[in-house]
N, C-alpha and C. Protein backbone atom coordinates (compact mmCIF):
# COMPACT_ATOMS: atom_id res chain seq x y z
N MET A 1 181.18 133.33 -84.12
CA MET A 1 180.82 132.78 -85.78
C MET A 1 179.29 133.26 -86.29
N SER A 2 179.86 133.76 -87.07
CA SER A 2 178.57 134.45 -87.98
C SER A 2 177.91 133.82 -88.75
N TYR A 3 176.64 133.98 -89.21
CA TYR A 3 176.09 132.90 -90.12
C TYR A 3 174.92 133.86 -90.81
N LYS A 4 174.59 133.23 -92.25
CA LYS A 4 173.89 133.72 -93.11
C LYS A 4 172.45 133.09 -93.12
N VAL A 5 171.26 134.04 -93.17
CA VAL A 5 170.11 133.81 -93.33
C VAL A 5 169.52 134.38 -94.56
N ALA A 6 168.65 133.60 -95.24
CA ALA A 6 168.19 134.09 -96.20
C ALA A 6 166.27 134.54 -96.02
N VAL A 7 165.99 135.33 -96.37
CA VAL A 7 164.42 135.90 -96.30
C VAL A 7 163.75 135.89 -97.45
N ALA A 8 162.59 135.71 -97.45
CA ALA A 8 161.86 135.63 -98.80
C ALA A 8 160.86 136.84 -98.23
N SER A 9 161.00 137.95 -99.03
CA SER A 9 160.59 138.75 -99.26
C SER A 9 159.90 139.23 -100.78
N ASN A 10 158.76 140.32 -100.72
CA ASN A 10 158.57 140.43 -102.45
C ASN A 10 158.57 142.40 -101.92
N ASP A 11 158.92 143.09 -100.90
CA ASP A 11 158.75 144.58 -100.45
C ASP A 11 159.98 144.71 -99.92
N GLY A 12 160.85 144.18 -99.29
CA GLY A 12 162.03 144.62 -98.60
C GLY A 12 161.85 144.74 -96.85
N LYS A 13 160.65 145.20 -96.77
CA LYS A 13 160.01 145.52 -95.53
C LYS A 13 159.76 144.29 -94.53
N PHE A 14 158.61 143.24 -95.35
CA PHE A 14 157.98 142.22 -94.18
C PHE A 14 158.93 140.59 -94.68
N VAL A 15 158.53 139.55 -94.10
CA VAL A 15 158.88 138.22 -94.32
C VAL A 15 157.38 138.12 -94.71
N ASN A 16 157.29 138.04 -96.35
CA ASN A 16 155.80 137.63 -96.83
C ASN A 16 155.57 137.00 -97.79
N GLU A 17 156.90 136.16 -98.07
CA GLU A 17 156.79 135.21 -99.65
C GLU A 17 156.79 133.79 -99.13
N HIS A 18 155.84 133.28 -99.46
CA HIS A 18 155.99 131.48 -99.69
C HIS A 18 157.14 131.04 -100.04
N PHE A 19 157.97 130.47 -99.90
CA PHE A 19 159.11 129.69 -99.90
C PHE A 19 159.20 129.41 -101.67
N GLY A 20 158.15 128.56 -102.05
CA GLY A 20 158.19 128.25 -103.29
C GLY A 20 157.64 129.17 -104.54
N ARG A 21 156.89 130.13 -103.70
CA ARG A 21 156.63 131.31 -104.57
C ARG A 21 157.78 132.88 -104.66
N ALA A 22 158.75 132.29 -104.03
CA ALA A 22 159.94 133.60 -103.54
C ALA A 22 160.63 133.57 -105.07
N GLU A 23 160.51 134.93 -105.46
CA GLU A 23 161.26 135.49 -106.65
C GLU A 23 162.76 135.95 -106.50
N LYS A 24 163.01 136.43 -105.12
CA LYS A 24 164.08 136.73 -104.43
C LYS A 24 164.28 136.37 -102.88
N PHE A 25 165.31 136.33 -102.35
CA PHE A 25 166.18 136.23 -101.26
C PHE A 25 166.75 137.08 -100.93
N MET A 26 166.52 137.96 -99.61
CA MET A 26 167.12 139.01 -99.18
C MET A 26 168.63 137.92 -98.39
N ILE A 27 169.96 138.40 -98.13
CA ILE A 27 170.52 137.78 -97.80
C ILE A 27 171.28 138.29 -96.68
N TYR A 28 171.00 138.29 -95.14
CA TYR A 28 171.63 138.56 -94.19
C TYR A 28 172.65 137.95 -93.25
N GLU A 29 173.59 138.78 -93.03
CA GLU A 29 174.72 137.75 -91.92
C GLU A 29 174.39 138.15 -90.62
N ILE A 30 174.13 137.43 -89.71
CA ILE A 30 174.02 137.43 -88.18
C ILE A 30 175.26 137.12 -87.38
N TYR A 31 175.79 138.25 -86.38
CA TYR A 31 176.82 138.18 -85.98
C TYR A 31 176.93 137.68 -84.55
N ASP A 32 177.74 137.22 -83.84
CA ASP A 32 178.02 136.58 -82.69
C ASP A 32 177.36 137.61 -81.73
N ASP A 33 177.30 138.96 -81.66
CA ASP A 33 177.13 140.22 -80.83
C ASP A 33 175.49 140.46 -80.91
N GLY A 34 174.76 139.45 -81.72
CA GLY A 34 173.65 139.92 -81.94
C GLY A 34 173.02 140.81 -82.96
N THR A 35 174.34 141.53 -83.46
CA THR A 35 173.97 142.62 -84.89
C THR A 35 173.72 141.82 -85.86
N TYR A 36 173.22 142.12 -87.18
CA TYR A 36 173.38 141.28 -88.48
C TYR A 36 173.28 142.78 -89.37
N LYS A 37 173.57 142.46 -90.59
CA LYS A 37 173.77 143.08 -91.79
C LYS A 37 173.35 142.59 -93.06
N PHE A 38 172.43 143.49 -93.82
CA PHE A 38 172.03 142.97 -94.93
C PHE A 38 173.17 142.97 -96.21
N LEU A 39 173.21 141.73 -96.96
CA LEU A 39 174.71 141.12 -97.74
C LEU A 39 174.22 141.81 -99.15
N GLU A 40 173.15 141.01 -99.48
CA GLU A 40 172.65 141.06 -101.03
C GLU A 40 171.38 140.61 -101.14
N THR A 41 170.99 140.72 -102.32
CA THR A 41 169.77 140.11 -102.76
C THR A 41 170.14 139.04 -104.11
N ARG A 42 169.60 138.01 -103.80
CA ARG A 42 169.40 137.00 -104.80
C ARG A 42 168.19 136.61 -105.42
N ASP A 43 168.10 136.80 -106.64
CA ASP A 43 167.03 136.47 -107.58
C ASP A 43 167.13 134.66 -108.01
N SER A 44 165.69 134.67 -107.76
CA SER A 44 165.60 132.97 -107.70
C SER A 44 164.14 132.94 -108.69
N SER A 45 164.16 131.56 -109.19
CA SER A 45 163.05 131.39 -109.79
C SER A 45 161.75 130.45 -109.05
N ILE A 46 160.71 130.68 -109.49
CA ILE A 46 159.67 130.36 -108.60
C ILE A 46 159.59 128.52 -108.39
N SER A 47 159.69 127.98 -107.89
CA SER A 47 159.57 126.59 -107.73
C SER A 47 158.50 125.95 -107.33
N CYS A 48 157.12 126.64 -106.66
CA CYS A 48 156.18 125.85 -106.69
C CYS A 48 155.18 126.24 -107.87
N ILE A 49 154.92 125.33 -108.75
CA ILE A 49 153.92 125.75 -109.62
C ILE A 49 152.88 124.58 -109.98
N GLY A 50 152.26 125.28 -109.99
CA GLY A 50 150.82 124.20 -110.11
C GLY A 50 150.59 123.24 -108.80
N GLU A 51 150.49 122.08 -109.79
CA GLU A 51 150.11 120.53 -108.50
C GLU A 51 151.32 119.79 -109.08
N GLY A 52 151.61 118.63 -107.87
CA GLY A 52 152.61 118.35 -108.40
C GLY A 52 154.08 118.35 -107.48
N ASN A 53 155.01 117.52 -107.99
CA ASN A 53 156.31 117.48 -107.39
C ASN A 53 157.15 118.69 -108.11
N ASN A 54 157.60 119.33 -107.67
CA ASN A 54 158.96 120.48 -108.29
C ASN A 54 160.01 120.24 -107.67
N GLN A 55 160.47 119.16 -107.79
CA GLN A 55 161.84 118.81 -107.04
C GLN A 55 163.06 119.61 -107.94
N ASN A 56 162.98 119.45 -109.20
CA ASN A 56 164.27 120.05 -109.91
C ASN A 56 163.92 121.33 -109.46
N ALA A 57 162.91 122.11 -109.66
CA ALA A 57 162.91 123.49 -109.51
C ALA A 57 163.34 123.95 -108.22
N ARG A 58 162.91 123.20 -107.08
CA ARG A 58 163.60 123.41 -105.51
C ARG A 58 164.58 123.33 -105.55
N SER A 59 165.08 122.27 -106.24
CA SER A 59 166.79 121.86 -105.76
C SER A 59 167.61 123.40 -106.46
N LYS A 60 167.18 124.06 -107.44
CA LYS A 60 167.75 125.04 -108.13
C LYS A 60 167.75 126.10 -106.62
N VAL A 61 166.78 126.17 -106.27
CA VAL A 61 166.32 127.23 -105.22
C VAL A 61 167.35 126.80 -103.90
N ILE A 62 167.25 125.84 -103.70
CA ILE A 62 167.81 125.51 -102.75
C ILE A 62 169.44 125.57 -102.56
N ASP A 63 169.88 125.44 -103.95
CA ASP A 63 171.29 125.76 -104.35
C ASP A 63 171.48 127.20 -104.18
N LEU A 64 170.94 127.92 -104.54
CA LEU A 64 171.02 129.35 -104.63
C LEU A 64 171.27 129.76 -103.21
N ILE A 65 170.64 128.91 -102.02
CA ILE A 65 170.87 129.69 -100.94
C ILE A 65 171.31 128.78 -99.95
N SER A 66 172.10 127.89 -100.88
CA SER A 66 173.26 126.87 -99.89
C SER A 66 173.73 127.08 -98.85
N ASP A 67 174.40 128.35 -98.66
CA ASP A 67 175.53 128.72 -97.98
C ASP A 67 174.54 129.41 -96.50
N VAL A 68 173.23 129.38 -96.57
CA VAL A 68 172.80 129.99 -95.72
C VAL A 68 172.42 128.78 -94.51
N LYS A 69 172.20 129.15 -93.20
CA LYS A 69 171.97 128.44 -92.08
C LYS A 69 170.23 128.19 -92.00
N THR A 70 169.70 129.39 -92.36
CA THR A 70 168.24 129.65 -91.74
C THR A 70 167.64 130.44 -93.08
N VAL A 71 166.22 129.87 -93.46
CA VAL A 71 165.66 130.73 -94.37
C VAL A 71 164.19 131.38 -93.81
N LEU A 72 163.83 132.42 -93.48
CA LEU A 72 162.80 132.82 -93.00
C LEU A 72 161.52 133.28 -94.33
N VAL A 73 160.49 132.59 -94.06
CA VAL A 73 159.36 132.84 -94.94
C VAL A 73 157.89 132.66 -94.53
N ALA A 74 157.05 133.21 -95.34
CA ALA A 74 155.75 133.32 -94.78
C ALA A 74 155.29 132.18 -94.43
N ASN A 75 155.51 131.29 -95.74
CA ASN A 75 154.96 129.64 -95.18
C ASN A 75 156.03 128.84 -96.39
N VAL A 76 155.97 127.69 -95.83
CA VAL A 76 156.72 126.73 -96.40
C VAL A 76 155.86 125.22 -96.51
N GLY A 77 156.13 124.55 -97.56
CA GLY A 77 155.01 123.23 -97.94
C GLY A 77 156.34 121.98 -97.17
N PRO A 78 155.56 120.95 -96.68
CA PRO A 78 156.30 119.77 -96.05
C PRO A 78 157.49 119.40 -96.77
N GLY A 79 157.20 119.05 -98.27
CA GLY A 79 158.21 118.54 -98.90
C GLY A 79 159.50 119.47 -98.98
N ALA A 80 159.40 121.10 -99.17
CA ALA A 80 160.36 121.68 -99.15
C ALA A 80 160.74 122.14 -97.55
N ILE A 81 159.96 121.70 -96.44
CA ILE A 81 160.63 121.41 -95.34
C ILE A 81 161.88 120.63 -95.43
N ASP A 82 161.61 119.11 -95.69
CA ASP A 82 162.08 118.43 -96.04
C ASP A 82 163.42 118.58 -96.62
N ASP A 83 163.24 118.95 -97.50
CA ASP A 83 164.58 119.25 -98.63
C ASP A 83 165.35 120.03 -98.02
N LEU A 84 165.00 121.36 -97.21
CA LEU A 84 165.54 122.34 -96.66
C LEU A 84 166.66 121.89 -95.64
N ILE A 85 165.74 121.19 -94.84
CA ILE A 85 166.53 120.34 -93.63
C ILE A 85 167.60 119.64 -93.96
N ASN A 86 167.38 118.80 -94.95
CA ASN A 86 168.06 117.52 -95.67
C ASN A 86 169.51 118.35 -96.25
N ASN A 87 169.19 119.42 -96.32
CA ASN A 87 170.24 120.35 -96.91
C ASN A 87 170.90 121.47 -95.59
N ASN A 88 170.85 120.99 -94.63
CA ASN A 88 170.99 121.85 -93.49
C ASN A 88 170.88 123.37 -93.33
N ILE A 89 169.41 123.20 -94.13
CA ILE A 89 169.02 125.11 -93.91
C ILE A 89 167.45 124.77 -92.92
N LYS A 90 167.47 125.53 -91.77
CA LYS A 90 166.66 125.38 -90.95
C LYS A 90 165.52 126.71 -91.58
N PRO A 91 163.90 126.01 -91.76
CA PRO A 91 163.15 126.80 -92.36
C PRO A 91 162.01 127.55 -90.95
N TYR A 92 161.91 129.07 -91.34
CA TYR A 92 161.04 129.44 -90.06
C TYR A 92 160.09 130.04 -90.96
N ALA A 93 158.73 130.01 -90.58
CA ALA A 93 157.89 130.54 -91.19
C ALA A 93 157.32 131.62 -90.05
N THR A 94 157.01 132.85 -90.57
CA THR A 94 156.92 134.11 -89.65
C THR A 94 155.90 135.00 -90.56
N SER A 95 155.71 136.14 -89.94
CA SER A 95 154.69 137.27 -90.61
C SER A 95 155.15 138.80 -90.22
N PHE A 96 156.30 138.40 -89.65
CA PHE A 96 156.80 139.67 -89.04
C PHE A 96 157.69 140.65 -89.93
N ASP A 97 157.95 141.83 -89.49
CA ASP A 97 158.71 142.67 -90.15
C ASP A 97 160.16 142.00 -90.71
N ILE A 98 161.08 142.17 -91.16
CA ILE A 98 162.61 141.44 -91.47
C ILE A 98 162.84 142.23 -90.34
N ASP A 99 163.31 143.19 -89.81
CA ASP A 99 164.04 143.51 -88.49
C ASP A 99 163.36 142.49 -87.37
N SER A 100 162.17 142.66 -86.65
CA SER A 100 161.87 141.64 -86.10
C SER A 100 161.91 140.07 -86.16
N ALA A 101 161.76 139.46 -87.26
CA ALA A 101 162.10 138.30 -87.57
C ALA A 101 163.50 138.03 -87.16
N LEU A 102 164.54 139.06 -87.59
CA LEU A 102 165.77 138.58 -87.52
C LEU A 102 166.24 138.83 -85.93
N ASN A 103 165.55 139.68 -85.38
CA ASN A 103 166.00 139.82 -83.66
C ASN A 103 165.19 138.47 -83.09
N GLU A 104 163.79 138.22 -83.32
CA GLU A 104 163.36 136.50 -83.05
C GLU A 104 164.40 135.63 -83.57
N LEU A 105 165.02 135.65 -84.50
CA LEU A 105 165.53 134.54 -84.57
C LEU A 105 166.78 134.56 -83.72
N ILE A 106 167.76 135.65 -83.42
CA ILE A 106 168.64 135.62 -82.69
C ILE A 106 168.31 135.39 -81.45
N LYS A 107 167.24 135.59 -80.84
CA LYS A 107 166.72 135.49 -79.52
C LYS A 107 166.93 133.98 -79.70
N LEU A 108 166.60 132.94 -80.29
CA LEU A 108 165.82 131.55 -80.62
C LEU A 108 167.38 131.22 -80.51
N ASP A 109 168.09 131.69 -81.39
CA ASP A 109 169.53 131.08 -81.49
C ASP A 109 170.47 131.04 -79.81
N ASN A 110 170.14 132.13 -79.73
CA ASN A 110 170.83 132.37 -78.12
C ASN A 110 170.50 131.44 -77.35
N LYS A 111 169.18 130.75 -77.25
CA LYS A 111 168.49 130.25 -76.36
C LYS A 111 169.13 128.68 -76.58
N ASN A 112 169.64 128.33 -77.74
CA ASN A 112 169.90 126.91 -78.22
C ASN A 112 171.47 126.93 -77.72
């Protein structure tokens, strides 16, 4: 059974964007055999604006990626972590290039 992953990247090469600052998410499909394929880029709005609770903006971003199982980000705040998990999306923070990050995710998923 395949699943989708959202990757926060501003250059298409590295996982280098904070969840709340991501202006786009690259969507990948991961297959049972450990391979993956790029599907699309989804434009997003920044959900971390200044100080305080940005719940409405964050909810819109989570809705945008609601069909993914996992989101790979450079960083993510505790409120966003809770909201992602409550929406059945696992957040993983990493600074790898996208291919290495996806391969590490596949290894982790195969252990579980």
